[in-house]
Amino acid sequence: MGRPVLTADDRLAIARGRGYTVQSTLDRQNQLKETEQSSLAGATEEKHEDVEKVWQEFLTLKGLDINSSMQPDSAMFKDFIEYYASSRHGLIDELPTVHSIKTICCGARAGAIVESSSYRGTNQALTYKDCHIHLIRLPSGGFTFELEIIQRYTKGKRNDENENLHVILKSENRLMYNGLMFFFSLAIADNAIKGYDTLDALMKARVPEGRDSWELKWKEEARELPVLRMASAKGVDKSRALTYAALWNQVVSLGHDVGYRDALKIHAIRAGVANKIKDPEVRRQILDHEGTGIYNKAYESKIVKGYGFSMFKGDDAPTDNIETLQSMDYRRDGNAPKDLPAKEKAEFFQRSDVQHLNMLIAQATRDIDGKPAEHPARFKERQKLYSKKRSLLRSASKLYREEWFFTSYDEEALRQVQPLEDEDKIIPAKSQQIGIFQLTCQFMPARDRIVNAILAETDQCQAALQDIYSLYVDDNRVAYRPNEHPVGGMCPRKGCFTAMIELPLAMRSKHIYACR
């Protein structure tokens, strides 16, 4: 015997017997809609309204009535997705958390540190008031710096003071890993720490006698100032917080320079941080997840960390090699070209279209005659020509890089298997480009300090931090050598009394070079 087959009338009678009616069901649905709508975050509600507007535009272009299209078929839905993507600058966010980000030091999302792409124009970002500098006494008698970062703008909890996330950064002995020291340079450049106006003064801070800890205070005018701010040719903005778009551009550019073939994803770096944390509960807290299952679903590496056959044999095999395969470093090639080599660049400038652009730029420059204010139309035209030339150079560089990746494996494999006796036919390895910094280190050893992993307690560290501080505050457009900075606005070279501020911006670097 099976279950009795119920007709529609039978099911309706059972529902009425249990207290369900058409009207009560509709009332319940309306109540749920009102509750859900009132709980939507501001950014989510704006996105819903934005999608609704695009949907209405789509129906208008298709000549469809909005009431007859409340239940679109799969073909119409696919067409709308393509239309929506093209209307949003050609980008489709795979996940609503596309703006997830790590800062390398604390594994935070972007919206907790910089202005989130979902909250454009709000200037909501990490401020100095949410950064607490602690001095902690050590059992050995010394002390160490600890930086407590309060993340107010966490995902889904922006308006809840009780849901702030507190993360601690420790002072590392190697400067290249010591994000706290770089933070100090930012704070001193902003004149934000109460009682300590220079890096030298800050390095003299100590835990007072009779106490085991001490916290530095911020000046009142600096408390609401974003730590990371936008910068332009005019310098660092006084109050505009760094945006996610600006951060994304920097990360992608960095990934390009270190040898990633594809665009480096910020979320992938955050996932790398997650995979390094072993304790599930600590990982959940640092990454601000609701539960440990989020890591298993969206962050955990798909490569199993273990050798199944070794476990079967009872061997305790180390997993260092598996960690290498899991890491992001495995997916980059340090030999990849960052730019067009000299030979290819010379060929680029010999192209007829580039030479024609150079001719037009030269003619516009002659017409402007150093007076752009008197020739605004020609000046604007020249800017467009420069932009077109940069676009051509960027395309040529991208094409060369793709061809390099496409042929690198075949050439390297052929070179390795070629008999050694055919010395005259041996294929050379792909040339490795040397960056400007590597060349600079050879001729200016003092610039090699961070590469050589200098320690935080040395004089070289203080000099490096001073250089970083100078980059934040100087507007002289000059890359000064270590400990070579203008005093009283004058040229730092001995015997020269030129006021740097009186020189045109484009001439300041040339002046320093001539003095040297």
Foldseek 3Di string as FASTA:
>chain_A
DDDDDDDPVRVVVVCVVVPDDPVVVVVVVVVVVVVVVVLDDPLRVVVVVVLVVLVVVLCVVVVHDPVVCPPPDPVVVVVSVCSVCVVVVNDDDPDPLLQQFQDLQQLGGCVQAFPEPSRPPPLDHFFPLQWKWKWFADPVGFTWIKIKGWRCCHPSRNPPPVLIAITIGTADFFPLNGPVLLLVLLCLLLCWWPPDNDPVSVVPDGDDPPDRMDITDTDPVRGQARSAADADLQATDRHRTDYSVNVQVVQQLVQLQQFALDGDRRVLSSLLVLQVDDDQVVSCRSHVHPHSVVCVVPRDFPQDQDDPVCVVVVHPDDRPVVNVVRDPVVRGDRQQDSFDPPVVVVVVCVDPVNVVLVVLLVVLCVVCVPPCVVVVPSVVVSVVSVVVNVVSRVVSGSVVRVVCVVCQVVLVVCLVPDDVVVVVPRRDHDDGDDDPLVVCCVVQVLSCQSVVRHTCPDPSNVQVSVLSSCVNNDSLLENDHGPQDDDPQAHSQPPGGHRSVPDPSVCSHVVNVVSD
